[in-house]
Amino acid sequence: MNDAALVAGVDAAKGGWVMAITGTDPGSPVAFSLRPSFAEVWTEARSQGLLAVGVDMPIGLPGQNLRRSDIKARELLGPRRSSLFWTPPLCVVDAADHAEANRTSKLNTGRGLSIQAFHLLPKVREVRAELTPEDLAPHAKPQAAEVHPETSFTVVAGRPMDSSKRQPPGQAERLAVLAPEFSNLAEVPAPMPGTTIDDLIDAAAAAWTARRMAAGTAMILGPDEVDATGYPMAIWA
């Protein structure tokens, strides 16, 4: 990667975290790597002096009410709104199992917790253990932010995607959207062990949003909303 100014998108995968690093200029190629831990992602981001890092994982966690960013993102996603799970509330972040998390969520928010949202918690804890609220501040370098790839695809394409990202037609659709943005994504990228094609595609979409973060042109859903521990709850796109 020869670009002087770099950004990255990061997506959770079975084998750890897919990191997609690219230049800030539209059309710059993207380079994928797999990092076993988010700590290694952040070490790499700092060592390369990245300007922005878009992370596909909830960071700021709500209290009793739903996050405005989730509500706005689901409105934007329309028919693909189910791709965004309601973010787990802060009260369940250390729950040992789904039964405990579901019980605690109902007690504190009046809502249960889906099994899909519960399965996010280990990765959520990993990110929050590494990032401080200051790492998400506009002046931070690298500046981290929460992203949601389906929301990014909707913004770059100007419409929600038609098909699931887990099926070949949906992967082809998303690659067609990304191809003008990355010079080396005209063909399906080869997944690394511990990853899938859609992990790489999502990381690239997150990197596209990271470019917009660096340029100051990103859409911010739920701005100025902060959780009880000081983390912003916005989704960037």
Protein backbone atom coordinates (compact mmCIF):
# COMPACT_ATOMS: atom_id res chain seq x y z
CA MET A 1 0.00 0.00 0.00
CA ASN A 2 1.76 3.14 -1.20
CA ASP A 3 -0.78 5.80 -0.30
CA ALA A 4 0.52 8.31 2.22
CA ALA A 5 -2.88 8.65 3.93
CA LEU A 6 -4.56 5.41 4.92
CA VAL A 7 -7.80 4.29 6.55
CA ALA A 8 -9.29 0.91 7.42
CA GLY A 9 -12.51 -1.00 7.80
CA VAL A 10 -12.76 -3.82 10.34
CA ASP A 11 -15.25 -6.68 10.43
CA ALA A 12 -15.57 -9.50 12.94
CA ALA A 13 -14.96 -12.99 11.55
CA LYS A 14 -14.80 -16.53 12.89
CA GLY A 15 -11.00 -16.37 12.91
CA GLY A 16 -10.75 -12.93 14.51
CA TRP A 17 -11.06 -9.60 12.72
CA VAL A 18 -10.76 -8.83 9.02
CA MET A 19 -8.87 -5.57 8.47
CA ALA A 20 -9.28 -3.82 5.11
CA ILE A 21 -6.71 -1.05 4.65
CA THR A 22 -6.98 1.41 1.77
CA GLY A 23 -5.93 4.89 0.74
CA THR A 24 -8.10 7.92 1.24
CA ASP A 25 -8.38 8.57 -2.51
CA PRO A 26 -11.42 7.02 -4.26
CA GLY A 27 -10.35 4.05 -6.34
CA SER A 28 -7.37 3.18 -4.13
CA PRO A 29 -6.84 -0.58 -3.83
CA VAL A 30 -7.74 -2.37 -0.62
CA ALA A 31 -5.54 -4.88 1.20
CA PHE A 32 -7.11 -7.52 3.46
CA SER A 33 -5.56 -9.20 6.48
CA LEU A 34 -6.85 -11.27 9.41
CA ARG A 35 -5.95 -10.24 12.95
CA PRO A 36 -6.61 -12.70 15.80
CA SER A 37 -7.63 -9.98 18.26
CA PHE A 38 -8.94 -6.44 18.19
CA ALA A 39 -5.88 -5.43 20.22
CA GLU A 40 -3.76 -6.40 17.21
CA VAL A 41 -6.08 -4.44 14.91
CA TRP A 42 -5.63 -1.30 16.97
CA THR A 43 -1.86 -1.79 17.29
CA GLU A 44 -1.65 -2.03 13.49
CA ALA A 45 -3.86 1.03 13.06
CA ARG A 46 -1.59 3.06 15.31
CA SER A 47 1.67 1.74 13.84
CA GLN A 48 0.55 2.65 10.31
CA GLY A 49 -0.77 6.04 11.41
CA LEU A 50 -4.23 5.41 10.00
CA LEU A 51 -6.50 8.43 9.88
CA ALA A 52 -9.78 6.59 10.52
CA VAL A 53 -10.98 3.09 11.35
CA GLY A 54 -14.58 1.98 10.81
CA VAL A 55 -15.49 -0.90 13.13
CA ASP A 56 -18.45 -3.15 12.35
CA MET A 57 -19.45 -3.76 15.96
CA PRO A 58 -21.58 -1.88 18.50
CA ILE A 59 -19.38 0.25 20.75
CA GLY A 60 -21.63 2.63 22.68
CA LEU A 61 -24.36 0.63 24.45
CA PRO A 62 -27.82 1.96 25.35
CA GLY A 63 -29.51 2.17 28.71
CA GLN A 64 -33.26 1.77 28.99
CA ASN A 65 -34.11 3.22 25.57
CA LEU A 66 -33.17 2.05 22.09
CA ARG A 67 -30.32 3.89 20.38
CA ARG A 68 -31.42 6.60 17.96
CA SER A 69 -28.67 5.44 15.59
CA ASP A 70 -30.22 1.96 15.35
CA ILE A 71 -33.67 3.39 14.73
CA LYS A 72 -32.39 5.72 11.99
CA ALA A 73 -30.28 2.97 10.38
CA ARG A 74 -33.21 0.55 10.28
CA GLU A 75 -35.36 3.24 8.65
CA LEU A 76 -32.66 3.78 6.04
CA LEU A 77 -32.27 0.03 5.41
CA GLY A 78 -35.96 -0.50 4.69
CA PRO A 79 -36.39 -4.09 3.44
CA ARG A 80 -32.95 -5.03 4.80
CA ARG A 81 -33.61 -3.67 8.30
CA SER A 82 -33.34 -7.14 9.82
CA SER A 83 -29.58 -7.06 9.11
CA LEU A 84 -29.23 -4.67 12.05
CA PHE A 85 -29.94 -6.27 15.43
CA TRP A 86 -31.01 -3.99 18.25
CA THR A 87 -27.82 -3.17 20.15
CA PRO A 88 -27.50 -5.02 23.48
CA PRO A 89 -28.00 -2.71 26.46
CA LEU A 90 -25.07 -1.86 28.71
CA CYS A 91 -26.59 -3.82 31.59
CA VAL A 92 -25.99 -7.18 29.83
CA VAL A 93 -22.43 -6.62 28.63
CA ASP A 94 -20.96 -9.04 31.19
CA ALA A 95 -23.76 -11.62 31.17
CA ALA A 96 -22.51 -15.19 31.32
CA ASP A 97 -25.20 -16.75 29.12
CA HIS A 98 -28.21 -15.82 27.03
CA ALA A 99 -30.70 -16.67 29.77
CA GLU A 100 -29.02 -14.23 32.15
CA ALA A 101 -28.71 -11.56 29.47
CA ASN A 102 -32.33 -11.93 28.43
CA ARG A 103 -33.54 -11.77 32.05
CA THR A 104 -31.38 -8.74 32.85
CA SER A 105 -32.45 -6.92 29.69
CA LYS A 106 -36.15 -7.48 30.45
CA LEU A 107 -35.69 -6.29 34.02
CA ASN A 108 -33.84 -3.10 33.05
CA THR A 109 -35.36 -2.16 29.68
CA GLY A 110 -38.64 -4.07 29.41
CA ARG A 111 -37.29 -5.81 26.29
CA GLY A 112 -35.75 -9.22 25.83
CA LEU A 113 -32.44 -9.80 24.07
CA SER A 114 -32.20 -11.80 20.85
CA ILE A 115 -29.74 -14.66 20.66
CA GLN A 116 -28.06 -12.89 17.72
CA ALA A 117 -27.47 -9.78 19.82
CA PHE A 118 -26.18 -11.91 22.70
CA HIS A 119 -23.59 -13.52 20.42
CA LEU A 120 -22.17 -10.06 19.68
CA LEU A 121 -21.17 -9.51 23.31
CA PRO A 122 -17.71 -11.19 23.31
CA LYS A 123 -16.64 -9.02 20.35
CA VAL A 124 -18.27 -5.95 21.92
CA ARG A 125 -16.25 -6.52 25.10
CA GLU A 126 -13.09 -6.98 23.05
CA VAL A 127 -13.54 -3.65 21.27
CA ARG A 128 -14.49 -1.74 24.41
CA ALA A 129 -11.50 -3.19 26.27
CA GLU A 130 -9.16 -1.73 23.66
CA LEU A 131 -10.79 1.57 22.67
CA THR A 132 -11.43 4.48 25.00
CA PRO A 133 -14.15 7.07 24.36
CA GLU A 134 -11.34 9.45 23.37
CA ASP A 135 -10.41 7.11 20.50
CA LEU A 136 -13.83 7.89 19.00
CA ALA A 137 -13.43 11.66 19.29
CA PRO A 138 -13.15 13.72 16.06
CA HIS A 139 -9.59 14.83 16.89
CA ALA A 140 -8.32 11.29 17.56
CA LYS A 141 -5.74 9.70 15.28
CA PRO A 142 -6.67 7.10 14.39
CA GLN A 143 -10.31 8.04 14.88
CA ALA A 144 -12.42 4.96 15.48
CA ALA A 145 -16.15 4.85 14.80
CA GLU A 146 -18.91 2.29 14.73
CA VAL A 147 -20.13 1.43 11.25
CA HIS A 148 -22.72 -0.95 9.84
CA PRO A 149 -21.80 -2.30 6.39
CA GLU A 150 -25.37 -2.74 5.15
CA THR A 151 -25.99 0.90 5.99
CA SER A 152 -22.79 1.85 4.15
CA PHE A 153 -23.92 -0.15 1.09
CA THR A 154 -27.27 1.62 1.16
CA VAL A 155 -25.56 5.02 1.24
CA VAL A 156 -23.00 4.31 -1.50
CA ALA A 157 -25.61 2.71 -3.80
CA GLY A 158 -28.39 5.15 -2.96
CA ARG A 159 -30.73 2.25 -2.15
CA PRO A 160 -30.88 -0.88 0.02
CA MET A 161 -29.36 -4.03 -1.44
CA ASP A 162 -31.73 -6.50 -3.08
CA SER A 163 -30.25 -9.81 -1.91
CA SER A 164 -28.62 -11.36 1.14
CA LYS A 165 -24.87 -10.90 1.42
CA ARG A 166 -24.53 -14.59 2.25
CA GLN A 167 -25.70 -15.68 -1.21
CA PRO A 168 -23.71 -15.35 -4.47
CA PRO A 169 -26.21 -12.87 -6.04
CA GLY A 170 -25.97 -10.64 -2.99
CA GLN A 171 -22.19 -10.83 -2.95
CA ALA A 172 -22.04 -9.97 -6.65
CA GLU A 173 -24.42 -7.05 -6.06
CA ARG A 174 -22.24 -5.64 -3.29
CA LEU A 175 -19.02 -6.13 -5.24
CA ALA A 176 -20.56 -4.25 -8.15
CA VAL A 177 -21.27 -1.36 -5.79
CA LEU A 178 -17.71 -1.43 -4.41
CA ALA A 179 -15.85 -1.97 -7.69
CA PRO A 180 -15.72 1.75 -8.64
CA GLU A 181 -14.45 2.56 -5.15
CA PHE A 182 -11.54 0.06 -5.04
CA SER A 183 -9.40 -0.68 -8.10
CA ASN A 184 -8.80 -4.33 -7.14
CA LEU A 185 -12.37 -5.39 -6.33
CA ALA A 186 -13.57 -6.14 -9.85
CA GLU A 187 -13.44 -9.84 -8.95
CA VAL A 188 -14.50 -11.78 -5.87
CA PRO A 189 -11.71 -11.62 -3.25
CA ALA A 190 -10.39 -14.96 -2.02
CA PRO A 191 -11.28 -15.47 1.65
CA MET A 192 -8.53 -16.30 4.10
CA PRO A 193 -8.84 -19.24 6.53
CA GLY A 194 -11.21 -18.19 9.29
CA THR A 195 -13.08 -15.75 7.04
CA THR A 196 -15.85 -15.74 4.46
CA ILE A 197 -16.33 -13.69 1.30
CA ASP A 198 -18.96 -11.55 3.00
CA ASP A 199 -16.51 -10.77 5.86
CA LEU A 200 -14.14 -9.25 3.30
CA ILE A 201 -16.92 -7.41 1.49
CA ASP A 202 -18.21 -5.96 4.77
CA ALA A 203 -14.72 -4.86 5.80
CA ALA A 204 -14.31 -3.09 2.44
CA ALA A 205 -17.64 -1.31 2.94
CA ALA A 206 -16.44 -0.23 6.38
CA ALA A 207 -13.23 1.06 4.79
CA TRP A 208 -15.30 3.12 2.33
CA THR A 209 -17.00 4.75 5.30
CA ALA A 210 -13.62 5.30 6.96
CA ARG A 211 -12.58 7.28 3.88
CA ARG A 212 -15.62 9.47 4.37
CA MET A 213 -14.72 9.89 8.03
CA ALA A 214 -11.26 11.11 7.06
CA ALA A 215 -12.72 13.48 4.46
CA GLY A 216 -15.35 14.84 6.85
CA THR A 217 -18.20 13.76 4.55
CA ALA A 218 -19.58 10.76 6.44
CA MET A 219 -23.23 10.52 7.41
CA ILE A 220 -23.63 10.28 11.19
CA LEU A 221 -26.74 8.56 12.53
CA GLY A 222 -27.53 9.40 16.15
CA PRO A 223 -24.90 12.13 16.63
CA ASP A 224 -24.22 13.46 20.13
CA GLU A 225 -25.74 10.39 21.80
CA VAL A 226 -23.35 8.96 24.40
CA ASP A 227 -23.74 5.94 26.65
CA ALA A 228 -23.39 5.90 30.43
CA THR A 229 -19.68 5.03 30.18
CA GLY A 230 -18.87 7.87 27.76
CA TYR A 231 -18.78 5.97 24.44
CA PRO A 232 -20.55 7.57 21.46
CA MET A 233 -23.50 5.53 20.17
CA ALA A 234 -23.50 6.93 16.62
CA ILE A 235 -23.33 4.82 13.47
CA TRP A 236 -21.22 6.34 10.67
CA ALA A 237 -21.89 5.72 6.98
